[in-house]
Protein backbone atom coordinates (compact mmCIF):
# COMPACT_ATOMS: atom_id res chain seq x y z
CA MET A 1 4.00 -20.82 -11.14
CA THR A 2 4.18 -17.02 -10.95
CA LYS A 3 1.12 -14.80 -10.67
CA THR A 4 0.62 -11.10 -11.07
CA ILE A 5 -1.15 -9.83 -7.98
CA SER A 6 -1.85 -6.87 -5.57
CA ALA A 7 -2.52 -5.65 -1.75
CA ALA A 8 -3.67 -3.41 0.86
CA ALA A 9 -5.73 -5.86 3.26
CA ASN A 10 -8.41 -7.08 4.58
CA PRO A 11 -8.87 -3.32 4.87
CA ALA A 12 -5.35 -2.95 6.13
CA LEU A 13 -3.78 -4.14 2.90
CA ALA A 14 -6.04 -1.82 1.02
CA ASN A 15 -4.73 1.22 2.88
CA ASN A 16 -1.19 0.28 2.79
CA LEU A 17 -2.51 -1.26 0.10
CA LEU A 18 -5.92 0.71 1.09
CA ASN A 19 -3.29 0.94 4.58
CA SER A 20 -3.12 -2.38 6.99
CA ALA A 21 3.08 -7.84 12.57
CA LEU A 22 4.68 -10.81 13.61
CA ALA A 23 7.37 -11.13 16.31
CA GLU A 24 10.02 -12.52 13.98
CA LYS A 25 12.99 -10.60 12.66
CA PRO A 26 11.88 -8.12 9.94
CA VAL A 27 12.96 -8.75 6.39
CA GLN A 28 12.69 -5.04 5.65
CA GLU A 29 14.19 -2.00 7.22
CA GLU A 30 12.72 1.41 7.70
CA VAL A 31 14.51 3.99 5.63
CA LYS A 32 14.14 7.66 5.02
CA ILE A 33 13.51 8.35 1.37
CA THR A 34 14.58 11.72 0.06
CA PRO A 35 11.56 13.86 -0.85
CA PRO A 36 10.89 13.95 -4.58
CA SER A 37 12.65 16.62 -6.60
CA ASN A 38 10.80 17.82 -9.68
CA ASN A 39 8.16 15.14 -8.97
CA VAL A 40 10.65 12.28 -9.34
CA VAL A 41 9.88 9.41 -6.94
CA THR A 42 12.03 6.61 -5.55
CA LEU A 43 10.04 3.37 -5.48
CA PRO A 44 10.65 1.41 -2.23
CA GLY A 45 10.21 -1.96 -3.95
CA GLY A 46 10.91 -1.21 -7.58
CA PHE A 47 9.54 -2.46 -10.89
CA LEU A 48 10.99 -5.88 -11.74
CA THR A 49 11.48 -6.18 -15.50
CA ALA A 50 11.37 -9.41 -17.53
CA THR A 51 15.19 -9.38 -17.61
CA GLY A 52 15.47 -9.16 -13.80
CA GLU A 53 16.35 -5.44 -13.66
CA ILE A 54 14.90 -3.37 -10.83
CA ILE A 55 13.61 0.08 -11.83
CA THR A 56 13.25 2.39 -8.83
CA GLU A 57 12.70 5.78 -10.48
CA ALA A 58 9.26 7.09 -11.41
CA GLU A 59 7.70 10.46 -12.15
CA VAL A 60 4.34 11.93 -11.16
CA ARG A 61 2.56 15.21 -11.91
CA GLU A 62 0.21 17.67 -10.26
CA LEU A 63 -3.50 16.90 -10.67
CA ASN A 64 -5.53 19.43 -12.66
CA GLY A 65 -9.16 20.34 -13.24
CA SER A 66 -9.73 17.59 -15.78
CA ASP A 67 -8.43 15.06 -13.24
CA GLU A 68 -10.71 16.55 -10.57
CA GLU A 69 -13.74 15.98 -12.81
CA ALA A 70 -12.70 12.37 -13.43
CA ILE A 71 -12.20 11.78 -9.70
CA ALA A 72 -15.61 13.31 -8.94
CA ARG A 73 -17.25 10.81 -11.30
CA THR A 74 -16.03 7.84 -9.25
CA ASN A 75 -18.47 6.41 -6.74
CA ASN A 76 -16.20 5.37 -3.87
CA VAL A 77 -12.81 6.08 -2.30
CA GLY A 78 -11.19 2.99 -3.82
CA ARG A 79 -12.01 3.95 -7.39
CA ALA A 80 -11.01 7.55 -6.69
CA ILE A 81 -7.54 6.38 -5.60
CA LEU A 82 -7.18 4.25 -8.74
CA THR A 83 -8.13 7.26 -10.88
CA ILE A 84 -5.55 9.43 -9.10
CA LEU A 85 -2.84 6.81 -9.63
CA ASN A 86 -3.61 6.21 -13.30
CA ARG A 87 -3.89 9.88 -14.23
CA GLY A 88 -1.12 11.32 -12.03
CA THR A 89 1.71 8.85 -12.77
CA VAL A 90 3.80 9.94 -15.77
CA ARG A 91 6.46 7.26 -16.17
CA ILE A 92 8.15 4.26 -14.55
CA GLY A 93 11.82 4.41 -15.43
CA ASN A 94 11.85 5.36 -19.11
CA GLU A 95 8.50 3.70 -19.83
CA ARG A 96 5.29 5.69 -20.08
CA ALA A 97 3.04 4.73 -17.18
CA ASP A 98 -0.09 2.91 -18.30
CA GLU A 99 -2.51 0.62 -16.48
CA LYS A 100 -0.61 -2.52 -17.55
CA ILE A 101 2.70 -1.46 -16.01
CA LEU A 102 1.01 0.02 -12.91
CA ASP A 103 -0.77 -3.30 -12.31
CA GLN A 104 2.62 -5.05 -12.17
CA LEU A 105 3.99 -2.77 -9.46
CA LEU A 106 3.98 -3.85 -5.84
CA SER A 107 1.09 -2.33 -3.90
CA GLY A 108 3.57 -0.41 -1.73
CA ASP A 109 5.09 1.23 -4.80
CA ARG A 110 1.62 2.24 -5.97
CA ASP A 111 0.93 3.78 -2.55
CA MET A 112 4.23 5.67 -2.83
CA LEU A 113 3.13 7.09 -6.19
CA VAL A 114 -0.26 8.21 -4.83
CA LEU A 115 1.48 9.91 -1.90
CA ALA A 116 3.85 11.66 -4.33
CA ILE A 117 0.89 12.82 -6.45
CA LEU A 118 -0.70 14.23 -3.30
CA LYS A 119 2.48 16.20 -2.51
CA ALA A 120 2.87 17.40 -6.11
CA THR A 121 -0.72 18.68 -6.01
CA PHE A 122 -1.18 20.07 -2.49
CA GLY A 123 2.31 20.36 -1.03
CA LYS A 124 4.10 18.34 1.63
CA THR A 125 1.94 19.38 4.60
CA SER A 126 -1.62 18.35 5.39
CA GLU A 127 -4.07 19.24 8.18
CA ILE A 128 -5.96 16.33 9.74
CA GLY A 129 -8.10 15.98 12.85
CA GLY A 130 -6.91 13.68 15.63
CA TYR A 131 -7.87 13.03 19.25
CA CYS A 132 -5.68 14.69 21.88
CA GLU A 133 -5.81 12.95 25.25
CA GLY A 134 -4.31 15.98 26.98
CA CYS A 135 -7.06 18.29 25.76
CA SER A 136 -9.70 15.52 25.72
CA GLU A 137 -10.94 16.66 22.33
CA VAL A 138 -10.31 16.40 18.61
CA LYS A 139 -7.66 18.83 17.40
CA THR A 140 -6.68 19.76 13.86
CA VAL A 141 -2.95 19.19 13.53
CA GLN A 142 -0.49 19.58 10.69
CA ILE A 143 1.54 16.62 9.48
CA ASP A 144 4.62 16.71 7.30
CA LEU A 145 4.23 14.07 4.59
CA ASP A 146 8.01 13.82 4.17
CA THR A 147 8.91 13.22 7.81
CA ASP A 148 5.81 12.06 9.71
CA ILE A 149 4.96 9.21 7.33
CA LYS A 150 7.68 6.57 7.45
CA VAL A 151 8.55 4.47 4.41
CA LYS A 152 9.72 0.85 4.25
CA ALA A 153 11.97 -0.29 1.44
CA LEU A 154 12.70 -3.89 0.50
CA MET A 155 16.18 -4.87 1.63
CA ASP A 156 16.46 -7.29 -1.30
CA PRO A 157 14.13 -5.99 -4.02
CA VAL A 158 14.25 -9.26 -5.97
CA ASN A 159 14.26 -12.05 -3.39
CA ASP A 160 12.03 -10.39 -0.76
CA ARG A 161 9.03 -10.52 -3.11
CA VAL A 162 8.47 -14.24 -2.46
CA PHE A 163 8.73 -15.79 0.99
CA THR A 164 7.70 -18.83 3.02
CA VAL A 165 5.12 -18.86 5.82
CA ASN A 166 4.86 -21.80 8.21
CA GLY A 167 1.31 -22.63 9.25
CA ARG A 168 0.05 -25.11 11.82
CA ALA A 169 0.76 -28.13 9.65
CA ARG A 170 1.43 -26.69 6.21
CA THR A 171 4.01 -24.52 4.51
CA TYR A 172 2.92 -21.69 2.22
CA THR A 173 4.86 -20.00 -0.58
CA VAL A 174 3.62 -16.42 -0.73
CA GLN A 175 4.42 -13.37 -2.82
CA LEU A 176 3.83 -9.71 -2.06
CA PRO A 177 0.66 -8.26 -3.55
CA THR A 178 0.84 -6.22 -6.74
CA GLY A 179 -1.42 -3.72 -8.39
CA THR A 180 -3.78 -6.30 -9.85
CA THR A 181 -4.88 -7.53 -6.43
CA GLN A 182 -4.89 -4.06 -4.94
CA LYS A 183 -7.12 -2.88 -7.78
CA GLU A 184 -9.54 -5.76 -7.21
CA MET A 185 -9.73 -4.97 -3.51
CA LEU A 186 -10.25 -1.25 -4.05
CA GLN A 187 -13.03 -1.99 -6.52
CA ASN A 188 -14.77 -4.34 -4.08
CA THR A 189 -14.87 -2.32 -0.86
CA ASP A 190 -18.47 -3.47 -0.35
CA LYS A 191 -17.24 -6.99 0.42
CA THR A 192 -16.70 -8.20 3.98
CA SER A 193 -13.21 -8.26 5.49
CA ALA A 194 -13.28 -12.08 5.29
CA GLU A 195 -14.11 -11.94 1.56
CA LEU A 196 -11.32 -9.42 1.01
CA THR A 197 -8.91 -11.71 2.86
CA THR A 198 -9.89 -14.58 0.55
CA LEU A 199 -9.39 -12.37 -2.50
CA MET A 200 -5.97 -11.32 -1.27
CA LEU A 201 -4.84 -14.85 -0.37
CA GLU A 202 -6.09 -16.27 -3.67
CA ASN A 203 -3.71 -13.90 -5.47
CA THR A 204 -0.72 -14.00 -3.13
CA VAL A 205 -0.45 -17.64 -1.99
CA LEU A 206 1.44 -19.41 -4.77
CA LYS A 207 1.73 -22.87 -3.19
CA ILE A 208 0.28 -24.84 -0.28
CA ASP A 209 3.10 -27.24 0.55
CA GLU A 210 4.05 -28.24 -3.01
CA SER A 211 0.61 -27.82 -4.58
CA PRO A 212 0.03 -24.67 -6.68
CA VAL A 213 -2.97 -22.52 -5.75
CA LEU A 214 -5.32 -22.58 -8.73
CA SER A 215 -8.70 -21.70 -7.23
CA LYS A 216 -10.43 -19.64 -4.55
CA LEU A 217 -11.67 -22.84 -2.89
CA GLN A 218 -8.14 -23.76 -1.80
CA VAL A 219 -7.72 -20.65 0.34
CA GLN A 220 -11.34 -20.76 1.53
CA ASN A 221 -10.63 -24.23 2.93
CA LEU A 222 -7.61 -23.08 4.96
CA GLY A 223 -8.00 -22.91 8.73
CA LEU A 224 -8.65 -19.48 10.27
CA VAL A 225 -5.34 -19.49 12.15
CA ASP A 226 -3.33 -20.14 8.98
CA ARG A 227 -5.28 -17.52 7.03
CA ARG A 228 -4.52 -14.95 9.71
CA THR A 229 -0.88 -16.03 9.97
CA ILE A 230 -0.40 -15.55 6.21
CA SER A 231 -2.21 -12.19 6.24
CA GLU A 232 -0.04 -10.94 9.11
CA ALA A 233 3.12 -12.08 7.32
CA ILE A 234 2.10 -10.18 4.19
CA ASN A 235 1.23 -7.03 6.16
CA LYS A 236 4.55 -7.17 7.98
CA ARG A 237 6.51 -7.34 4.72
CA LEU A 238 4.66 -4.67 2.77
CA CYS A 239 6.93 -1.91 1.54
CA GLY A 240 5.86 1.68 0.95
CA PRO A 241 4.31 4.39 3.16
CA GLN A 242 3.35 3.20 6.64
CA PHE A 243 0.09 4.88 7.60
CA ASP A 244 -0.33 3.30 11.01
CA ALA A 245 0.45 5.09 14.26
CA VAL A 246 1.25 8.56 12.94
CA LYS A 247 1.62 10.76 16.00
CA VAL A 248 2.29 14.50 16.23
CA SER A 249 2.40 17.05 19.05
CA CYS A 250 -0.75 18.95 20.00
CA PRO A 251 -0.30 22.66 19.19
CA ASP A 252 -1.96 23.63 22.50
CA CYS A 253 -0.85 21.20 25.22
CA GLU A 254 2.06 19.42 23.48
CA SER A 255 0.53 16.01 24.22
CA GLU A 256 0.79 13.32 21.55
CA VAL A 257 -2.06 13.26 19.05
CA SER A 258 -2.82 10.03 17.18
CA VAL A 259 -3.68 10.99 13.60
CA PRO A 260 -5.78 8.65 11.37
CA VAL A 261 -3.70 8.96 8.20
CA ASN A 262 -4.89 7.24 5.04
CA PHE A 263 -5.61 8.35 1.50
CA GLY A 264 -9.22 9.13 2.39
CA THR A 265 -8.22 11.62 5.09
CA LEU A 266 -5.29 13.02 3.09
CA PHE A 267 -7.36 13.70 -0.04
CA ARG A 268 -10.42 14.56 2.10
CA PHE A 269 -12.78 12.22 0.30
């Protein structure tokens, strides 16, 4: 049974997927993606068509005043990000981007599009405050969105979407979150992290042993260790921009500054 789903985390999936690893060998590799030319974006996972073709090219545009008004009418960061994505994405491959096709994208591809819209609108540099241990104070530093934010691409864009996670006594068939789940999570940021984990697992766990997951109750009844093991496995495999641990040099003392990079700080919501 195949589901259409989505990502970002407990809050971590929501940032990645709105942005949150195990000690096993990674199934992805970190790659440098060439900065977009003429607002053309390379999707790190790619849109999987009904015929099995992977579409990795997309196009975004600069946000304008009409978009700004629409964003201002949203009532939280999650809905603002969804508005940015829906209004700023022009096409996926040769298909016009609409909510239906965006919902089918992996959450990491959606994050890549939002980052590209940010660059098309404001440029590739951004100033963010971060704590400098050398100066013992918060410093405003400049980050380069092309080089300071690393991007993970799926090594096998077809087969890496579904994987197996071994729990304490059960085996789980899991797929990477898509836009549908990410959208649900971004629209429910008032829920607890445990509730968001349940929402994410309900949409990403396809089977428990050989039994298909058909209801929320099945993932609510899982043990805490298995729930966390599955969540960590998903977070580890997420493709797209990696917002954790962005570090840049302090302009005054040259110490390393840890910068809290996410879409909230980048768009200054």
